[in-house]
C-alpha cells in the first residue's frame, strides 16, 4: 500500500505510524509543507495522512500553503482515498467538510481521558477498546462535528475528539502516534504553551509514563490494521 503524509513542521512527523508502515512493508512518501515540497499526483497514493502542527487552519496569510493543502485534501476525499487527520489534520478535514474550527474553551496538553461514543464502540474501527481511553493531547482549537459525520469520542474539555465521515475519512483531535521522542521534540519547540490551565500538564507529566505511550501506539496500530483489512 502507498501512504502519503503531509507534514507541517519538522518536529511533528509520523511517530509510531512510521514503524507500523515499515513493519507491513507499505510505501511512505511525504510533502513537507514547511519547505514547499511538491504535491504528489492523487493516483500515486492509496492513503493520505495529515499530521499536526502548531499553526491554526485559518492562518492562511502566515501559512499560504494552507490554501493549497485544503484543496488537495478535498480532492483526495472526493477521489475516495482513505484520509486520516491528526490534531491539526482533523481540524483541516472538519473545515473542508463544512464545519467551523475555532478556539476551544480549554487547551488540552497532556494525558487526559476520552470517552468513546456508543457508535464508536459498535464500529469496526473501535470495537474491543475500553469505553474510556487515556490519550495524548496537544491542542487549543476545536471543531463542530461535520455534517454527515459520526462522532466517535469526546472529553470533559472537548466535545468533539474524533469522527468518521463515510467509511474512509477519520479525524482524531488527539494523538495516538506520539512517542517519547516525538513529545520531546514538541517540548523543545512549543514548551511556551505549557501555561497554568485546568487541562495543561507539566513537561515532566508529559513524559512520565512509558506505559501510556505503549498503550496509545497499540491502539493506533489496531485502528490502522483494521482500516487496511476492511478496505476503508
C-alpha atoms as a PDB file:
ATOM      1  CA  UNK A   1       0.000   0.000   0.000  1.00  0.00           C
ATOM      2  CA  UNK A   2       1.187   3.519  -0.771  1.00  0.00           C
ATOM      3  CA  UNK A   3       0.832   6.022   2.080  1.00  0.00           C
ATOM      4  CA  UNK A   4       1.458   9.729   1.608  1.00  0.00           C
ATOM      5  CA  UNK A   5       1.562  12.142   4.530  1.00  0.00           C
ATOM      6  CA  UNK A   6       1.510  15.894   4.928  1.00  0.00           C
ATOM      7  CA  UNK A   7       3.959  17.298   7.482  1.00  0.00           C
ATOM      8  CA  UNK A   8       3.569  20.880   8.697  1.00  0.00           C
ATOM      9  CA  UNK A   9       6.652  21.332  10.884  1.00  0.00           C
ATOM     10  CA  UNK A  10       9.926  19.378  11.225  1.00  0.00           C
ATOM     11  CA  UNK A  11       9.117  18.262  14.769  1.00  0.00           C
ATOM     12  CA  UNK A  12       5.738  16.611  14.104  1.00  0.00           C
ATOM     13  CA  UNK A  13       6.290  13.530  11.990  1.00  0.00           C
ATOM     14  CA  UNK A  14       4.539  10.174  11.783  1.00  0.00           C
ATOM     15  CA  UNK A  15       5.654   8.916  15.191  1.00  0.00           C
ATOM     16  CA  UNK A  16       4.653   5.278  15.701  1.00  0.00           C
ATOM     17  CA  UNK A  17       2.798   5.225  12.366  1.00  0.00           C
ATOM     18  CA  UNK A  18       6.173   5.041  10.601  1.00  0.00           C
ATOM     19  CA  UNK A  19       7.094   1.852  12.462  1.00  0.00           C
ATOM     20  CA  UNK A  20       3.702   0.341  11.628  1.00  0.00           C
ATOM     21  CA  UNK A  21       4.105   1.156   7.931  1.00  0.00           C
ATOM     22  CA  UNK A  22       7.616  -0.271   7.808  1.00  0.00           C
ATOM     23  CA  UNK A  23       6.523  -3.425   9.601  1.00  0.00           C
ATOM     24  CA  UNK A  24       3.833  -4.020   6.985  1.00  0.00           C
ATOM     25  CA  UNK A  25       6.134  -3.046   4.105  1.00  0.00           C
ATOM     26  CA  UNK A  26       3.955  -0.139   2.999  1.00  0.00           C
ATOM     27  CA  UNK A  27       5.499   2.612   0.892  1.00  0.00           C
ATOM     28  CA  UNK A  28       5.828   6.036   2.535  1.00  0.00           C
ATOM     29  CA  UNK A  29       6.113   9.413   0.817  1.00  0.00           C
ATOM     30  CA  UNK A  30       5.804  12.912   2.233  1.00  0.00           C
ATOM     31  CA  UNK A  31       5.031  16.508   1.374  1.00  0.00           C
ATOM     32  CA  UNK A  32       6.864  18.763   3.813  1.00  0.00           C
ATOM     33  CA  UNK A  33       4.789  21.897   3.620  1.00  0.00           C
ATOM     34  CA  UNK A  34       7.264  23.942   5.662  1.00  0.00           C
ATOM     35  CA  UNK A  35       9.834  23.570   2.889  1.00  0.00           C
ATOM     36  CA  UNK A  36       7.439  23.826  -0.063  1.00  0.00           C
ATOM     37  CA  UNK A  37       7.715  20.235  -1.285  1.00  0.00           C
ATOM     38  CA  UNK A  38       5.723  19.476  -4.455  1.00  0.00           C
ATOM     39  CA  UNK A  39       2.305  17.847  -4.294  1.00  0.00           C
ATOM     40  CA  UNK A  40       2.025  14.248  -5.469  1.00  0.00           C
ATOM     41  CA  UNK A  41      -0.455  13.046  -8.052  1.00  0.00           C
ATOM     42  CA  UNK A  42      -3.603  11.637  -6.477  1.00  0.00           C
ATOM     43  CA  UNK A  43      -3.094   8.345  -8.291  1.00  0.00           C
ATOM     44  CA  UNK A  44       0.316   7.942  -6.648  1.00  0.00           C
ATOM     45  CA  UNK A  45      -1.019   7.026  -3.199  1.00  0.00           C
ATOM     46  CA  UNK A  46      -3.779   4.995  -1.519  1.00  0.00           C
ATOM     47  CA  UNK A  47      -3.877   6.666   1.909  1.00  0.00           C
ATOM     48  CA  UNK A  48      -3.363  10.282   2.902  1.00  0.00           C
ATOM     49  CA  UNK A  49      -2.353  11.090   6.473  1.00  0.00           C
ATOM     50  CA  UNK A  50      -2.495  14.737   7.563  1.00  0.00           C
ATOM     51  CA  UNK A  51      -0.327  15.405  10.599  1.00  0.00           C
ATOM     52  CA  UNK A  52      -0.473  18.028  13.339  1.00  0.00           C
ATOM     53  CA  UNK A  53       1.233  21.360  13.791  1.00  0.00           C
ATOM     54  CA  UNK A  54       1.197  24.487  15.970  1.00  0.00           C
ATOM     55  CA  UNK A  55      -0.487  26.705  13.381  1.00  0.00           C
ATOM     56  CA  UNK A  56      -4.241  27.240  13.050  1.00  0.00           C
ATOM     57  CA  UNK A  57      -6.181  26.245   9.942  1.00  0.00           C
ATOM     58  CA  UNK A  58      -7.306  29.846   9.390  1.00  0.00           C
ATOM     59  CA  UNK A  59      -3.803  31.402   9.432  1.00  0.00           C
ATOM     60  CA  UNK A  60      -3.586  31.422   5.651  1.00  0.00           C
ATOM     61  CA  UNK A  61      -1.839  34.788   5.455  1.00  0.00           C
ATOM     62  CA  UNK A  62       1.024  33.469   7.590  1.00  0.00           C
ATOM     63  CA  UNK A  63       1.000  29.987   6.035  1.00  0.00           C
ATOM     64  CA  UNK A  64      -0.200  30.445   2.440  1.00  0.00           C
ATOM     65  CA  UNK A  65       0.294  26.753   1.657  1.00  0.00           C
ATOM     66  CA  UNK A  66      -2.810  26.084   3.781  1.00  0.00           C
ATOM     67  CA  UNK A  67      -4.939  27.184   0.811  1.00  0.00           C
ATOM     68  CA  UNK A  68      -3.436  24.568  -1.498  1.00  0.00           C
ATOM     69  CA  UNK A  69      -3.411  21.960   1.245  1.00  0.00           C
ATOM     70  CA  UNK A  70      -7.140  22.264   1.871  1.00  0.00           C
ATOM     71  CA  UNK A  71      -7.833  21.872  -1.834  1.00  0.00           C
ATOM     72  CA  UNK A  72      -5.539  18.847  -2.013  1.00  0.00           C
ATOM     73  CA  UNK A  73      -7.243  17.114   0.929  1.00  0.00           C
ATOM     74  CA  UNK A  74     -10.648  17.910  -0.556  1.00  0.00           C
ATOM     75  CA  UNK A  75      -9.610  16.294  -3.836  1.00  0.00           C
ATOM     76  CA  UNK A  76      -8.287  13.213  -2.015  1.00  0.00           C
ATOM     77  CA  UNK A  77     -11.619  12.790  -0.218  1.00  0.00           C
ATOM     78  CA  UNK A  78     -13.513  13.262  -3.480  1.00  0.00           C
ATOM     79  CA  UNK A  79     -11.306  10.597  -5.098  1.00  0.00           C
ATOM     80  CA  UNK A  80     -12.387   8.136  -2.381  1.00  0.00           C
ATOM     81  CA  UNK A  81      -8.962   7.910  -0.753  1.00  0.00           C
ATOM     82  CA  UNK A  82      -8.583   6.825   2.843  1.00  0.00           C
ATOM     83  CA  UNK A  83      -7.773  10.070   4.693  1.00  0.00           C
ATOM     84  CA  UNK A  84      -6.641  10.249   8.308  1.00  0.00           C
ATOM     85  CA  UNK A  85      -6.276  13.612  10.065  1.00  0.00           C
ATOM     86  CA  UNK A  86      -4.473  14.002  13.385  1.00  0.00           C
ATOM     87  CA  UNK A  87      -4.964  17.127  15.523  1.00  0.00           C
ATOM     88  CA  UNK A  88      -4.442  19.961  13.009  1.00  0.00           C
ATOM     89  CA  UNK A  89      -5.155  17.366  10.326  1.00  0.00           C
ATOM     90  CA  UNK A  90      -8.554  16.592  11.857  1.00  0.00           C
ATOM     91  CA  UNK A  91      -9.324  20.313  12.030  1.00  0.00           C
ATOM     92  CA  UNK A  92      -8.438  20.737   8.356  1.00  0.00           C
ATOM     93  CA  UNK A  93     -10.761  17.861   7.405  1.00  0.00           C
ATOM     94  CA  UNK A  94     -13.570  19.284   9.540  1.00  0.00           C
ATOM     95  CA  UNK A  95     -13.151  22.650   7.804  1.00  0.00           C
ATOM     96  CA  UNK A  96     -13.187  21.028   4.363  1.00  0.00           C
ATOM     97  CA  UNK A  97     -16.373  19.138   5.264  1.00  0.00           C
ATOM     98  CA  UNK A  98     -18.114  22.369   6.206  1.00  0.00           C
ATOM     99  CA  UNK A  99     -17.653  22.697   9.968  1.00  0.00           C
ATOM    100  CA  UNK A 100     -16.309  25.754  11.795  1.00  0.00           C
ATOM    101  CA  UNK A 101     -12.931  25.452  13.512  1.00  0.00           C
ATOM    102  CA  UNK A 102     -12.329  27.780  16.427  1.00  0.00           C
ATOM    103  CA  UNK A 103     -10.527  28.284  19.730  1.00  0.00           C
ATOM    104  CA  UNK A 104     -11.788  25.826  22.324  1.00  0.00           C
ATOM    105  CA  UNK A 105     -12.927  26.747  25.813  1.00  0.00           C
ATOM    106  CA  UNK A 106      -9.899  24.892  27.183  1.00  0.00           C
ATOM    107  CA  UNK A 107      -6.498  23.970  25.870  1.00  0.00           C
ATOM    108  CA  UNK A 108      -5.676  20.309  26.342  1.00  0.00           C
ATOM    109  CA  UNK A 109      -1.998  19.459  26.676  1.00  0.00           C
ATOM    110  CA  UNK A 110      -1.110  16.188  28.332  1.00  0.00           C
ATOM    111  CA  UNK A 111      -2.605  12.819  29.186  1.00  0.00           C
ATOM    112  CA  UNK A 112      -6.357  13.015  29.649  1.00  0.00           C
ATOM    113  CA  UNK A 113      -9.172  10.502  29.128  1.00  0.00           C
ATOM    114  CA  UNK A 114     -11.576  10.451  26.242  1.00  0.00           C
ATOM    115  CA  UNK A 115     -14.937   8.673  26.235  1.00  0.00           C
ATOM    116  CA  UNK A 116     -15.947   6.616  23.229  1.00  0.00           C
ATOM    117  CA  UNK A 117     -19.480   7.061  21.969  1.00  0.00           C
ATOM    118  CA  UNK A 118     -21.865   4.143  21.524  1.00  0.00           C
ATOM    119  CA  UNK A 119     -21.374   4.490  17.782  1.00  0.00           C
ATOM    120  CA  UNK A 120     -17.610   4.113  18.219  1.00  0.00           C
ATOM    121  CA  UNK A 121     -17.907   1.057  20.457  1.00  0.00           C
ATOM    122  CA  UNK A 122     -20.181  -0.555  17.872  1.00  0.00           C
ATOM    123  CA  UNK A 123     -17.932   0.356  14.957  1.00  0.00           C
ATOM    124  CA  UNK A 124     -15.438  -1.921  13.233  1.00  0.00           C
ATOM    125  CA  UNK A 125     -12.610   0.503  13.954  1.00  0.00           C
ATOM    126  CA  UNK A 126     -13.059   0.946  17.703  1.00  0.00           C
ATOM    127  CA  UNK A 127     -14.718  -2.313  18.799  1.00  0.00           C
ATOM    128  CA  UNK A 128     -12.927  -4.165  21.636  1.00  0.00           C
ATOM    129  CA  UNK A 129     -11.466  -0.930  23.036  1.00  0.00           C
ATOM    130  CA  UNK A 130     -12.362   0.245  26.520  1.00  0.00           C
ATOM    131  CA  UNK A 131     -15.069   2.913  26.550  1.00  0.00           C
ATOM    132  CA  UNK A 132     -12.533   5.241  28.201  1.00  0.00           C
ATOM    133  CA  UNK A 133      -9.015   5.713  26.859  1.00  0.00           C
ATOM    134  CA  UNK A 134      -6.250   7.910  28.207  1.00  0.00           C
ATOM    135  CA  UNK A 135      -4.626   9.580  25.206  1.00  0.00           C
ATOM    136  CA  UNK A 136      -2.129  12.332  24.479  1.00  0.00           C
ATOM    137  CA  UNK A 137      -3.464  15.799  23.676  1.00  0.00           C
ATOM    138  CA  UNK A 138      -1.833  18.994  22.461  1.00  0.00           C
ATOM    139  CA  UNK A 139      -4.399  21.396  21.023  1.00  0.00           C
ATOM    140  CA  UNK A 140      -6.185  24.671  21.632  1.00  0.00           C
ATOM    141  CA  UNK A 141      -8.615  24.754  18.710  1.00  0.00           C
ATOM    142  CA  UNK A 142     -11.618  22.519  18.241  1.00  0.00           C
ATOM    143  CA  UNK A 143     -14.355  21.969  15.652  1.00  0.00           C
ATOM    144  CA  UNK A 144     -18.033  21.213  15.321  1.00  0.00           C
ATOM    145  CA  UNK A 145     -18.999  17.756  14.107  1.00  0.00           C
ATOM    146  CA  UNK A 146     -19.006  17.846  10.285  1.00  0.00           C
ATOM    147  CA  UNK A 147     -22.402  17.308   8.614  1.00  0.00           C
ATOM    148  CA  UNK A 148     -22.898  13.622   7.902  1.00  0.00           C
ATOM    149  CA  UNK A 149     -20.033  12.516  10.174  1.00  0.00           C
ATOM    150  CA  UNK A 150     -20.293  10.144  13.134  1.00  0.00           C
ATOM    151  CA  UNK A 151     -18.931  11.368  16.456  1.00  0.00           C
ATOM    152  CA  UNK A 152     -16.599   8.768  17.942  1.00  0.00           C
ATOM    153  CA  UNK A 153     -15.199  10.355  21.099  1.00  0.00           C
ATOM    154  CA  UNK A 154     -15.396  13.306  23.480  1.00  0.00           C
ATOM    155  CA  UNK A 155     -13.771  14.535  26.688  1.00  0.00           C
ATOM    156  CA  UNK A 156     -14.600  16.880  29.550  1.00  0.00           C
ATOM    157  CA  UNK A 157     -12.707  19.688  27.826  1.00  0.00           C
ATOM    158  CA  UNK A 158     -13.683  18.998  24.215  1.00  0.00           C
ATOM    159  CA  UNK A 159     -16.970  17.650  22.896  1.00  0.00           C
ATOM    160  CA  UNK A 160     -15.651  16.528  19.505  1.00  0.00           C
ATOM    161  CA  UNK A 161     -12.498  14.453  19.832  1.00  0.00           C
ATOM    162  CA  UNK A 162     -12.889  12.098  16.868  1.00  0.00           C
ATOM    163  CA  UNK A 163     -15.187  11.496  13.919  1.00  0.00           C
ATOM    164  CA  UNK A 164     -15.669   9.179  10.963  1.00  0.00           C
ATOM    165  CA  UNK A 165     -17.016  10.519   7.689  1.00  0.00           C
ATOM    166  CA  UNK A 166     -18.263   7.811   5.387  1.00  0.00           C
ATOM    167  CA  UNK A 167     -16.033   4.782   5.748  1.00  0.00           C
ATOM    168  CA  UNK A 168     -12.734   6.317   4.692  1.00  0.00           C
ATOM    169  CA  UNK A 169     -12.203   9.658   6.422  1.00  0.00           C
ATOM    170  CA  UNK A 170     -11.095   9.577  10.068  1.00  0.00           C
ATOM    171  CA  UNK A 171     -10.404  12.660  12.184  1.00  0.00           C
ATOM    172  CA  UNK A 172      -8.584  12.339  15.529  1.00  0.00           C
ATOM    173  CA  UNK A 173      -8.184  15.508  17.600  1.00  0.00           C
ATOM    174  CA  UNK A 174      -5.802  13.663  19.943  1.00  0.00           C
ATOM    175  CA  UNK A 175      -2.513  11.870  19.302  1.00  0.00           C
ATOM    176  CA  UNK A 176      -2.226   8.074  19.276  1.00  0.00           C
ATOM    177  CA  UNK A 177       1.023   8.139  17.291  1.00  0.00           C
ATOM    178  CA  UNK A 178       3.078  10.047  19.865  1.00  0.00           C
ATOM    179  CA  UNK A 179       6.279   8.542  21.234  1.00  0.00           C
ATOM    180  CA  UNK A 180       8.664   9.783  23.945  1.00  0.00           C
ATOM    181  CA  UNK A 181      10.941  11.044  21.165  1.00  0.00           C
ATOM    182  CA  UNK A 182       8.175  12.928  19.342  1.00  0.00           C
ATOM    183  CA  UNK A 183       6.847  14.529  22.541  1.00  0.00           C
ATOM    184  CA  UNK A 184      10.382  15.546  23.481  1.00  0.00           C
ATOM    185  CA  UNK A 185      10.619  17.276  20.092  1.00  0.00           C
ATOM    186  CA  UNK A 186       7.328  19.094  20.710  1.00  0.00           C
ATOM    187  CA  UNK A 187       8.546  20.220  24.125  1.00  0.00           C
ATOM    188  CA  UNK A 188      11.745  21.598  22.617  1.00  0.00           C
ATOM    189  CA  UNK A 189       9.733  23.795  20.229  1.00  0.00           C
ATOM    190  CA  UNK A 190       6.421  24.510  21.991  1.00  0.00           C
ATOM    191  CA  UNK A 191       7.068  24.410  25.738  1.00  0.00           C
ATOM    192  CA  UNK A 192       5.922  28.036  25.997  1.00  0.00           C
ATOM    193  CA  UNK A 193       2.369  26.699  25.657  1.00  0.00           C
ATOM    194  CA  UNK A 194       2.632  24.893  28.999  1.00  0.00           C
ATOM    195  CA  UNK A 195       0.987  27.652  30.989  1.00  0.00           C
ATOM    196  CA  UNK A 196      -1.206  27.091  34.016  1.00  0.00           C
ATOM    197  CA  UNK A 197      -4.533  25.594  32.992  1.00  0.00           C
ATOM    198  CA  UNK A 198      -7.116  23.053  34.070  1.00  0.00           C
ATOM    199  CA  UNK A 199      -6.140  20.663  31.277  1.00  0.00           C
ATOM    200  CA  UNK A 200      -2.462  21.514  30.850  1.00  0.00           C
ATOM    201  CA  UNK A 201       0.160  19.295  32.460  1.00  0.00           C
ATOM    202  CA  UNK A 202       3.846  19.892  33.122  1.00  0.00           C
ATOM    203  CA  UNK A 203       6.613  18.743  30.832  1.00  0.00           C
ATOM    204  CA  UNK A 204       7.522  16.079  33.415  1.00  0.00           C
ATOM    205  CA  UNK A 205       3.942  14.776  33.341  1.00  0.00           C
ATOM    206  CA  UNK A 206       4.013  14.539  29.555  1.00  0.00           C
ATOM    207  CA  UNK A 207       6.973  12.126  29.629  1.00  0.00           C
ATOM    208  CA  UNK A 208       6.281  10.386  32.934  1.00  0.00           C
ATOM    209  CA  UNK A 209       4.757   7.107  31.728  1.00  0.00           C
ATOM    210  CA  UNK A 210       6.213   4.787  29.105  1.00  0.00           C
ATOM    211  CA  UNK A 211       3.113   2.626  29.511  1.00  0.00           C
ATOM    212  CA  UNK A 212       0.882   5.459  28.271  1.00  0.00           C
ATOM    213  CA  UNK A 213       2.900   5.640  25.052  1.00  0.00           C
ATOM    214  CA  UNK A 214       2.832   1.870  24.573  1.00  0.00           C
ATOM    215  CA  UNK A 215      -0.937   1.809  25.058  1.00  0.00           C
ATOM    216  CA  UNK A 216      -1.772   4.584  22.598  1.00  0.00           C
ATOM    217  CA  UNK A 217       0.613   3.178  19.992  1.00  0.00           C
ATOM    218  CA  UNK A 218      -1.102  -0.221  20.307  1.00  0.00           C
ATOM    219  CA  UNK A 219      -4.486   1.478  19.776  1.00  0.00           C
ATOM    220  CA  UNK A 220      -3.124   3.351  16.760  1.00  0.00           C
ATOM    221  CA  UNK A 221      -1.729   0.147  15.256  1.00  0.00           C
ATOM    222  CA  UNK A 222      -5.035  -1.658  15.751  1.00  0.00           C
ATOM    223  CA  UNK A 223      -7.003   1.133  14.058  1.00  0.00           C
ATOM    224  CA  UNK A 224      -4.568   1.176  11.126  1.00  0.00           C
ATOM    225  CA  UNK A 225      -4.710  -2.625  10.840  1.00  0.00           C
ATOM    226  CA  UNK A 226      -8.492  -2.527  10.733  1.00  0.00           C
ATOM    227  CA  UNK A 227      -8.530   0.246   8.150  1.00  0.00           C
ATOM    228  CA  UNK A 228      -6.212  -1.777   5.944  1.00  0.00           C
ATOM    229  CA  UNK A 229      -8.029  -5.117   6.340  1.00  0.00           C
ATOM    230  CA  UNK A 230     -11.519  -3.688   5.974  1.00  0.00           C
ATOM    231  CA  UNK A 231     -10.532  -1.709   2.907  1.00  0.00           C
ATOM    232  CA  UNK A 232     -11.979   1.514   4.296  1.00  0.00           C
END
